[in-house]
Structures are given as structure tokens and as C-alpha cells.
Amino acid sequence: LALIQLHVSAVKSDNLQRACGLVREASAKGAKVVVLP
């Protein structure tokens, strides 16, 4: 299980891009269930 503690900004597109990048990172490290805040 991976929990992504994301730094959230006022720019939605930046938040989405960074969140998806960290999801990919978690998946590459073997996470099967990934959770965003």
C-alpha cells in the first residue's frame, strides 16, 4: 500500500501532474493500492 502525502498548490494542473507522477513512482516500487490525500 502506498500513501501519497502531496504538497498541494493553487494550480490544479500542477497538482494533477505531480500527483500522477508520484502514483507512477509508487507503482514502480511495487504498490498495488495507491491513495491520494
ModelCIF file with pLDDT and N, C-alpha, C, O atoms, coordinates in Angstrom:
data_MODEL
#
_entry.id   MODEL 
#
_entity.id                         1 
_entity.type                       polymer 
_entity.pdbx_number_of_molecules   1 
#
_entity_poly.entity_id                      1 
_entity_poly.type                           'polypeptide(L)' 
_entity_poly.nstd_linkage                   no 
_entity_poly.nstd_monomer                   no 
_entity_poly.pdbx_seq_one_letter_code       LALIQLHVSAVKSDNLQRACGLVREASAKGAKVVVLP 
_entity_poly.pdbx_seq_one_letter_code_can   LALIQLHVSAVKSDNLQRACGLVREASAKGAKVVVLP 
_entity_poly.pdbx_strand_id                 A 
#
loop_
_entity_poly_seq.entity_id 
_entity_poly_seq.num 
_entity_poly_seq.mon_id 
_entity_poly_seq.hetero 
1 1  LEU n 
1 2  ALA n 
1 3  LEU n 
1 4  ILE n 
1 5  GLN n 
1 6  LEU n 
1 7  HIS n 
1 8  VAL n 
1 9  SER n 
1 10 ALA n 
1 11 VAL n 
1 12 LYS n 
1 13 SER n 
1 14 ASP n 
1 15 ASN n 
1 16 LEU n 
1 17 GLN n 
1 18 ARG n 
1 19 ALA n 
1 20 CYS n 
1 21 GLY n 
1 22 LEU n 
1 23 VAL n 
1 24 ARG n 
1 25 GLU n 
1 26 ALA n 
1 27 SER n 
1 28 ALA n 
1 29 LYS n 
1 30 GLY n 
1 31 ALA n 
1 32 LYS n 
1 33 VAL n 
1 34 VAL n 
1 35 VAL n 
1 36 LEU n 
1 37 PRO n 
#
_struct_asym.id          A 
_struct_asym.entity_id   1 
#
loop_
_ma_qa_metric.id 
_ma_qa_metric.mode 
_ma_qa_metric.name 
_ma_qa_metric.software_group_id 
_ma_qa_metric.type 
1 global pLDDT . pLDDT 
2 local  pLDDT . pLDDT 
#
_ma_qa_metric_global.metric_id      1 
_ma_qa_metric_global.metric_value   96.19 
_ma_qa_metric_global.model_id       1 
_ma_qa_metric_global.ordinal_id     1 
#
loop_
_ma_qa_metric_local.label_asym_id 
_ma_qa_metric_local.label_comp_id 
_ma_qa_metric_local.label_seq_id 
_ma_qa_metric_local.metric_id 
_ma_qa_metric_local.metric_value 
_ma_qa_metric_local.model_id 
_ma_qa_metric_local.ordinal_id 
A LEU 1  2 98.00 1 1  
A ALA 2  2 98.00 1 2  
A LEU 3  2 98.00 1 3  
A ILE 4  2 98.00 1 4  
A GLN 5  2 97.00 1 5  
A LEU 6  2 96.00 1 6  
A HIS 7  2 95.00 1 7  
A VAL 8  2 93.00 1 8  
A SER 9  2 92.00 1 9  
A ALA 10 2 90.00 1 10 
A VAL 11 2 93.00 1 11 
A LYS 12 2 91.00 1 12 
A SER 13 2 92.00 1 13 
A ASP 14 2 95.00 1 14 
A ASN 15 2 93.00 1 15 
A LEU 16 2 94.00 1 16 
A GLN 17 2 96.00 1 17 
A ARG 18 2 96.00 1 18 
A ALA 19 2 96.00 1 19 
A CYS 20 2 97.00 1 20 
A GLY 21 2 97.00 1 21 
A LEU 22 2 98.00 1 22 
A VAL 23 2 98.00 1 23 
A ARG 24 2 98.00 1 24 
A GLU 25 2 98.00 1 25 
A ALA 26 2 98.00 1 26 
A SER 27 2 98.00 1 27 
A ALA 28 2 98.00 1 28 
A LYS 29 2 98.00 1 29 
A GLY 30 2 98.00 1 30 
A ALA 31 2 98.00 1 31 
A LYS 32 2 98.00 1 32 
A VAL 33 2 98.00 1 33 
A VAL 34 2 98.00 1 34 
A VAL 35 2 98.00 1 35 
A LEU 36 2 97.00 1 36 
A PRO 37 2 95.00 1 37 
#
loop_
_atom_site.group_PDB 
_atom_site.id 
_atom_site.type_symbol 
_atom_site.label_atom_id 
_atom_site.label_alt_id 
_atom_site.label_comp_id 
_atom_site.label_asym_id 
_atom_site.label_entity_id 
_atom_site.label_seq_id 
_atom_site.pdbx_PDB_ins_code 
_atom_site.Cartn_x 
_atom_site.Cartn_y 
_atom_site.Cartn_z 
_atom_site.occupancy 
_atom_site.B_iso_or_equiv 
_atom_site.pdbx_formal_charge 
_atom_site.auth_seq_id 
_atom_site.auth_comp_id 
_atom_site.auth_asym_id 
_atom_site.auth_atom_id 
_atom_site.pdbx_PDB_model_num 
ATOM 1   N N  . LEU A 1 1  ? 0.852  -1.191 0.000   1.00 98.00 ? 1  LEU A N  1 
ATOM 2   C CA . LEU A 1 1  ? 0.000  0.000  0.000   1.00 98.00 ? 1  LEU A CA 1 
ATOM 3   C C  . LEU A 1 1  ? 0.885  1.238  0.000   1.00 98.00 ? 1  LEU A C  1 
ATOM 4   O O  . LEU A 1 1  ? 1.864  1.297  0.744   1.00 98.00 ? 1  LEU A O  1 
ATOM 5   N N  . ALA A 1 2  ? 0.553  2.226  -0.825  1.00 98.00 ? 2  ALA A N  1 
ATOM 6   C CA . ALA A 1 2  ? 1.312  3.477  -0.883  1.00 98.00 ? 2  ALA A CA 1 
ATOM 7   C C  . ALA A 1 2  ? 0.392  4.654  -0.586  1.00 98.00 ? 2  ALA A C  1 
ATOM 8   O O  . ALA A 1 2  ? -0.686 4.771  -1.168  1.00 98.00 ? 2  ALA A O  1 
ATOM 9   N N  . LEU A 1 3  ? 0.823  5.522  0.322   1.00 98.00 ? 3  LEU A N  1 
ATOM 10  C CA . LEU A 1 3  ? 0.096  6.745  0.662   1.00 98.00 ? 3  LEU A CA 1 
ATOM 11  C C  . LEU A 1 3  ? 0.888  7.940  0.157   1.00 98.00 ? 3  LEU A C  1 
ATOM 12  O O  . LEU A 1 3  ? 2.047  8.123  0.530   1.00 98.00 ? 3  LEU A O  1 
ATOM 13  N N  . ILE A 1 4  ? 0.268  8.754  -0.689  1.00 98.00 ? 4  ILE A N  1 
ATOM 14  C CA . ILE A 1 4  ? 0.966  9.897  -1.275  1.00 98.00 ? 4  ILE A CA 1 
ATOM 15  C C  . ILE A 1 4  ? 0.585  11.166 -0.514  1.00 98.00 ? 4  ILE A C  1 
ATOM 16  O O  . ILE A 1 4  ? -0.524 11.681 -0.656  1.00 98.00 ? 4  ILE A O  1 
ATOM 17  N N  . GLN A 1 5  ? 1.514  11.655 0.286   1.00 97.00 ? 5  GLN A N  1 
ATOM 18  C CA . GLN A 1 5  ? 1.306  12.898 1.031   1.00 97.00 ? 5  GLN A CA 1 
ATOM 19  C C  . GLN A 1 5  ? 1.787  14.047 0.153   1.00 97.00 ? 5  GLN A C  1 
ATOM 20  O O  . GLN A 1 5  ? 2.963  14.408 0.164   1.00 97.00 ? 5  GLN A O  1 
ATOM 21  N N  . LEU A 1 6  ? 0.861  14.609 -0.598  1.00 96.00 ? 6  LEU A N  1 
ATOM 22  C CA . LEU A 1 6  ? 1.160  15.556 -1.673  1.00 96.00 ? 6  LEU A CA 1 
ATOM 23  C C  . LEU A 1 6  ? 1.172  17.001 -1.174  1.00 96.00 ? 6  LEU A C  1 
ATOM 24  O O  . LEU A 1 6  ? 0.335  17.397 -0.364  1.00 96.00 ? 6  LEU A O  1 
ATOM 25  N N  . HIS A 1 7  ? 2.130  17.777 -1.668  1.00 95.00 ? 7  HIS A N  1 
ATOM 26  C CA . HIS A 1 7  ? 2.089  19.225 -1.457  1.00 95.00 ? 7  HIS A CA 1 
ATOM 27  C C  . HIS A 1 7  ? 1.125  19.819 -2.477  1.00 95.00 ? 7  HIS A C  1 
ATOM 28  O O  . HIS A 1 7  ? 1.340  19.701 -3.684  1.00 95.00 ? 7  HIS A O  1 
ATOM 29  N N  . VAL A 1 8  ? 0.067  20.454 -1.994  1.00 93.00 ? 8  VAL A N  1 
ATOM 30  C CA . VAL A 1 8  ? -0.998 20.967 -2.861  1.00 93.00 ? 8  VAL A CA 1 
ATOM 31  C C  . VAL A 1 8  ? -0.827 22.464 -3.070  1.00 93.00 ? 8  VAL A C  1 
ATOM 32  O O  . VAL A 1 8  ? -0.688 23.226 -2.112  1.00 93.00 ? 8  VAL A O  1 
ATOM 33  N N  . SER A 1 9  ? -0.838 22.881 -4.348  1.00 92.00 ? 9  SER A N  1 
ATOM 34  C CA . SER A 1 9  ? -0.735 24.301 -4.684  1.00 92.00 ? 9  SER A CA 1 
ATOM 35  C C  . SER A 1 9  ? -2.090 24.816 -5.158  1.00 92.00 ? 9  SER A C  1 
ATOM 36  O O  . SER A 1 9  ? -3.073 24.075 -5.169  1.00 92.00 ? 9  SER A O  1 
ATOM 37  N N  . ALA A 1 10 ? -2.139 26.078 -5.547  1.00 90.00 ? 10 ALA A N  1 
ATOM 38  C CA . ALA A 1 10 ? -3.377 26.678 -6.047  1.00 90.00 ? 10 ALA A CA 1 
ATOM 39  C C  . ALA A 1 10 ? -3.585 26.398 -7.527  1.00 90.00 ? 10 ALA A C  1 
ATOM 40  O O  . ALA A 1 10 ? -4.609 26.783 -8.090  1.00 90.00 ? 10 ALA A O  1 
ATOM 41  N N  . VAL A 1 11 ? -2.618 25.726 -8.170  1.00 93.00 ? 11 VAL A N  1 
ATOM 42  C CA . VAL A 1 11 ? -2.701 25.475 -9.616  1.00 93.00 ? 11 VAL A CA 1 
ATOM 43  C C  . VAL A 1 11 ? -3.117 24.020 -9.834  1.00 93.00 ? 11 VAL A C  1 
ATOM 44  O O  . VAL A 1 11 ? -2.330 23.099 -9.612  1.00 93.00 ? 11 VAL A O  1 
ATOM 45  N N  . LYS A 1 12 ? -4.355 23.826 -10.267 1.00 91.00 ? 12 LYS A N  1 
ATOM 46  C CA . LYS A 1 12 ? -4.907 22.477 -10.401 1.00 91.00 ? 12 LYS A CA 1 
ATOM 47  C C  . LYS A 1 12 ? -4.078 21.599 -11.332 1.00 91.00 ? 12 LYS A C  1 
ATOM 48  O O  . LYS A 1 12 ? -3.818 20.437 -11.018 1.00 91.00 ? 12 LYS A O  1 
ATOM 49  N N  . SER A 1 13 ? -3.663 22.142 -12.468 1.00 92.00 ? 13 SER A N  1 
ATOM 50  C CA . SER A 1 13 ? -2.914 21.340 -13.443 1.00 92.00 ? 13 SER A CA 1 
ATOM 51  C C  . SER A 1 13 ? -1.592 20.854 -12.853 1.00 92.00 ? 13 SER A C  1 
ATOM 52  O O  . SER A 1 13 ? -1.180 19.721 -13.104 1.00 92.00 ? 13 SER A O  1 
ATOM 53  N N  . ASP A 1 14 ? -0.928 21.703 -12.071 1.00 95.00 ? 14 ASP A N  1 
ATOM 54  C CA . ASP A 1 14 ? 0.320  21.288 -11.417 1.00 95.00 ? 14 ASP A CA 1 
ATOM 55  C C  . ASP A 1 14 ? 0.066  20.170 -10.410 1.00 95.00 ? 14 ASP A C  1 
ATOM 56  O O  . ASP A 1 14 ? 0.830  19.209 -10.331 1.00 95.00 ? 14 ASP A O  1 
ATOM 57  N N  . ASN A 1 15 ? -1.012 20.304 -9.644  1.00 93.00 ? 15 ASN A N  1 
ATOM 58  C CA . ASN A 1 15 ? -1.343 19.276 -8.656  1.00 93.00 ? 15 ASN A CA 1 
ATOM 59  C C  . ASN A 1 15 ? -1.600 17.936 -9.330  1.00 93.00 ? 15 ASN A C  1 
ATOM 60  O O  . ASN A 1 15 ? -1.125 16.899 -8.867  1.00 93.00 ? 15 ASN A O  1 
ATOM 61  N N  . LEU A 1 16 ? -2.354 17.962 -10.426 1.00 94.00 ? 16 LEU A N  1 
ATOM 62  C CA . LEU A 1 16 ? -2.662 16.731 -11.149 1.00 94.00 ? 16 LEU A CA 1 
ATOM 63  C C  . LEU A 1 16 ? -1.407 16.087 -11.720 1.00 94.00 ? 16 LEU A C  1 
ATOM 64  O O  . LEU A 1 16 ? -1.224 14.873 -11.638 1.00 94.00 ? 16 LEU A O  1 
ATOM 65  N N  . GLN A 1 17 ? -0.541 16.922 -12.303 1.00 96.00 ? 17 GLN A N  1 
ATOM 66  C CA . GLN A 1 17 ? 0.684  16.403 -12.911 1.00 96.00 ? 17 GLN A CA 1 
ATOM 67  C C  . GLN A 1 17 ? 1.591  15.773 -11.857 1.00 96.00 ? 17 GLN A C  1 
ATOM 68  O O  . GLN A 1 17 ? 2.131  14.686 -12.064 1.00 96.00 ? 17 GLN A O  1 
ATOM 69  N N  . ARG A 1 18 ? 1.755  16.460 -10.731 1.00 96.00 ? 18 ARG A N  1 
ATOM 70  C CA . ARG A 1 18 ? 2.646  15.945 -9.692  1.00 96.00 ? 18 ARG A CA 1 
ATOM 71  C C  . ARG A 1 18 ? 2.047  14.689 -9.049  1.00 96.00 ? 18 ARG A C  1 
ATOM 72  O O  . ARG A 1 18 ? 2.766  13.737 -8.746  1.00 96.00 ? 18 ARG A O  1 
ATOM 73  N N  . ALA A 1 19 ? 0.732  14.696 -8.847  1.00 96.00 ? 19 ALA A N  1 
ATOM 74  C CA . ALA A 1 19 ? 0.079  13.526 -8.262  1.00 96.00 ? 19 ALA A CA 1 
ATOM 75  C C  . ALA A 1 19 ? 0.255  12.305 -9.149  1.00 96.00 ? 19 ALA A C  1 
ATOM 76  O O  . ALA A 1 19 ? 0.585  11.223 -8.664  1.00 96.00 ? 19 ALA A O  1 
ATOM 77  N N  . CYS A 1 20 ? 0.037  12.472 -10.438 1.00 97.00 ? 20 CYS A N  1 
ATOM 78  C CA . CYS A 1 20 ? 0.176  11.337 -11.359 1.00 97.00 ? 20 CYS A CA 1 
ATOM 79  C C  . CYS A 1 20 ? 1.617  10.845 -11.413 1.00 97.00 ? 20 CYS A C  1 
ATOM 80  O O  . CYS A 1 20 ? 1.860  9.645  -11.543 1.00 97.00 ? 20 CYS A O  1 
ATOM 81  N N  . GLY A 1 21 ? 2.574  11.765 -11.316 1.00 97.00 ? 21 GLY A N  1 
ATOM 82  C CA . GLY A 1 21 ? 3.977  11.372 -11.300 1.00 97.00 ? 21 GLY A CA 1 
ATOM 83  C C  . GLY A 1 21 ? 4.316  10.537 -10.078 1.00 97.00 ? 21 GLY A C  1 
ATOM 84  O O  . GLY A 1 21 ? 5.056  9.558  -10.178 1.00 97.00 ? 21 GLY A O  1 
ATOM 85  N N  . LEU A 1 22 ? 3.780  10.915 -8.924  1.00 98.00 ? 22 LEU A N  1 
ATOM 86  C CA . LEU A 1 22 ? 4.042  10.160 -7.700  1.00 98.00 ? 22 LEU A CA 1 
ATOM 87  C C  . LEU A 1 22 ? 3.306  8.819  -7.698  1.00 98.00 ? 22 LEU A C  1 
ATOM 88  O O  . LEU A 1 22 ? 3.788  7.845  -7.121  1.00 98.00 ? 22 LEU A O  1 
ATOM 89  N N  . VAL A 1 23 ? 2.144  8.770  -8.341  1.00 98.00 ? 23 VAL A N  1 
ATOM 90  C CA . VAL A 1 23 ? 1.437  7.490  -8.493  1.00 98.00 ? 23 VAL A CA 1 
ATOM 91  C C  . VAL A 1 23 ? 2.291  6.521  -9.313  1.00 98.00 ? 23 VAL A C  1 
ATOM 92  O O  . VAL A 1 23 ? 2.421  5.347  -8.964  1.00 98.00 ? 23 VAL A O  1 
ATOM 93  N N  . ARG A 1 24 ? 2.870  7.021  -10.400 1.00 98.00 ? 24 ARG A N  1 
ATOM 94  C CA . ARG A 1 24 ? 3.739  6.173  -11.228 1.00 98.00 ? 24 ARG A CA 1 
ATOM 95  C C  . ARG A 1 24 ? 4.956  5.692  -10.429 1.00 98.00 ? 24 ARG A C  1 
ATOM 96  O O  . ARG A 1 24 ? 5.380  4.543  -10.552 1.00 98.00 ? 24 ARG A O  1 
ATOM 97  N N  . GLU A 1 25 ? 5.500  6.580  -9.620  1.00 98.00 ? 25 GLU A N  1 
ATOM 98  C CA . GLU A 1 25 ? 6.655  6.210  -8.790  1.00 98.00 ? 25 GLU A CA 1 
ATOM 99  C C  . GLU A 1 25 ? 6.277  5.116  -7.807  1.00 98.00 ? 25 GLU A C  1 
ATOM 100 O O  . GLU A 1 25 ? 7.032  4.162  -7.616  1.00 98.00 ? 25 GLU A O  1 
ATOM 101 N N  . ALA A 1 26 ? 5.111  5.248  -7.183  1.00 98.00 ? 26 ALA A N  1 
ATOM 102 C CA . ALA A 1 26 ? 4.664  4.243  -6.220  1.00 98.00 ? 26 ALA A CA 1 
ATOM 103 C C  . ALA A 1 26 ? 4.433  2.899  -6.897  1.00 98.00 ? 26 ALA A C  1 
ATOM 104 O O  . ALA A 1 26 ? 4.779  1.850  -6.354  1.00 98.00 ? 26 ALA A O  1 
ATOM 105 N N  . SER A 1 27 ? 3.849  2.941  -8.081  1.00 98.00 ? 27 SER A N  1 
ATOM 106 C CA . SER A 1 27 ? 3.612  1.705  -8.828  1.00 98.00 ? 27 SER A CA 1 
ATOM 107 C C  . SER A 1 27 ? 4.921  1.024  -9.185  1.00 98.00 ? 27 SER A C  1 
ATOM 108 O O  . SER A 1 27 ? 5.039  -0.198 -9.096  1.00 98.00 ? 27 SER A O  1 
ATOM 109 N N  . ALA A 1 28 ? 5.911  1.824  -9.592  1.00 98.00 ? 28 ALA A N  1 
ATOM 110 C CA . ALA A 1 28 ? 7.213  1.264  -9.957  1.00 98.00 ? 28 ALA A CA 1 
ATOM 111 C C  . ALA A 1 28 ? 7.895  0.594  -8.764  1.00 98.00 ? 28 ALA A C  1 
ATOM 112 O O  . ALA A 1 28 ? 8.757  -0.268 -8.940  1.00 98.00 ? 28 ALA A O  1 
ATOM 113 N N  . LYS A 1 29 ? 7.505  0.992  -7.553  1.00 98.00 ? 29 LYS A N  1 
ATOM 114 C CA . LYS A 1 29 ? 8.079  0.398  -6.346  1.00 98.00 ? 29 LYS A CA 1 
ATOM 115 C C  . LYS A 1 29 ? 7.196  -0.720 -5.779  1.00 98.00 ? 29 LYS A C  1 
ATOM 116 O O  . LYS A 1 29 ? 7.370  -1.145 -4.637  1.00 98.00 ? 29 LYS A O  1 
ATOM 117 N N  . GLY A 1 30 ? 6.260  -1.180 -6.587  1.00 98.00 ? 30 GLY A N  1 
ATOM 118 C CA . GLY A 1 30 ? 5.514  -2.372 -6.227  1.00 98.00 ? 30 GLY A CA 1 
ATOM 119 C C  . GLY A 1 30 ? 4.188  -2.164 -5.540  1.00 98.00 ? 30 GLY A C  1 
ATOM 120 O O  . GLY A 1 30 ? 3.560  -3.137 -5.122  1.00 98.00 ? 30 GLY A O  1 
ATOM 121 N N  . ALA A 1 31 ? 3.733  -0.918 -5.408  1.00 98.00 ? 31 ALA A N  1 
ATOM 122 C CA . ALA A 1 31 ? 2.450  -0.677 -4.744  1.00 98.00 ? 31 ALA A CA 1 
ATOM 123 C C  . ALA A 1 31 ? 1.304  -1.175 -5.617  1.00 98.00 ? 31 ALA A C  1 
ATOM 124 O O  . ALA A 1 31 ? 1.281  -0.933 -6.823  1.00 98.00 ? 31 ALA A O  1 
ATOM 125 N N  . LYS A 1 32 ? 0.356  -1.869 -5.001  1.00 98.00 ? 32 LYS A N  1 
ATOM 126 C CA . LYS A 1 32 ? -0.826 -2.379 -5.705  1.00 98.00 ? 32 LYS A CA 1 
ATOM 127 C C  . LYS A 1 32 ? -2.057 -1.519 -5.445  1.00 98.00 ? 32 LYS A C  1 
ATOM 128 O O  . LYS A 1 32 ? -2.972 -1.458 -6.266  1.00 98.00 ? 32 LYS A O  1 
ATOM 129 N N  . VAL A 1 33 ? -2.065 -0.854 -4.285  1.00 98.00 ? 33 VAL A N  1 
ATOM 130 C CA . VAL A 1 33 ? -3.127 0.095  -3.942  1.00 98.00 ? 33 VAL A CA 1 
ATOM 131 C C  . VAL A 1 33 ? -2.444 1.411  -3.578  1.00 98.00 ? 33 VAL A C  1 
ATOM 132 O O  . VAL A 1 33 ? -1.581 1.447  -2.701  1.00 98.00 ? 33 VAL A O  1 
ATOM 133 N N  . VAL A 1 34 ? -2.834 2.490  -4.256  1.00 98.00 ? 34 VAL A N  1 
ATOM 134 C CA . VAL A 1 34 ? -2.207 3.796  -4.060  1.00 98.00 ? 34 VAL A CA 1 
ATOM 135 C C  . VAL A 1 34 ? -3.289 4.796  -3.676  1.00 98.00 ? 34 VAL A C  1 
ATOM 136 O O  . VAL A 1 34 ? -4.364 4.818  -4.274  1.00 98.00 ? 34 VAL A O  1 
ATOM 137 N N  . VAL A 1 35 ? -2.998 5.627  -2.670  1.00 98.00 ? 35 VAL A N  1 
ATOM 138 C CA . VAL A 1 35 ? -4.005 6.547  -2.146  1.00 98.00 ? 35 VAL A CA 1 
ATOM 139 C C  . VAL A 1 35 ? -3.478 7.981  -2.180  1.00 98.00 ? 35 VAL A C  1 
ATOM 140 O O  . VAL A 1 35 ? -2.356 8.254  -1.754  1.00 98.00 ? 35 VAL A O  1 
ATOM 141 N N  . LEU A 1 36 ? -4.309 8.892  -2.696  1.00 97.00 ? 36 LEU A N  1 
ATOM 142 C CA . LEU A 1 36 ? -4.018 10.323 -2.690  1.00 97.00 ? 36 LEU A CA 1 
ATOM 143 C C  . LEU A 1 36 ? -4.747 10.984 -1.510  1.00 97.00 ? 36 LEU A C  1 
ATOM 144 O O  . LEU A 1 36 ? -5.715 10.427 -0.993  1.00 97.00 ? 36 LEU A O  1 
ATOM 145 N N  . PRO A 1 37 ? -4.287 12.165 -1.086  1.00 95.00 ? 37 PRO A N  1 
ATOM 146 C CA . PRO A 1 37 ? -4.888 12.799 0.090   1.00 95.00 ? 37 PRO A CA 1 
ATOM 147 C C  . PRO A 1 37 ? -6.212 13.491 -0.210  1.00 95.00 ? 37 PRO A C  1 
ATOM 148 O O  . PRO A 1 37 ? -6.827 14.065 0.689   1.00 95.00 ? 37 PRO A O  1 
#
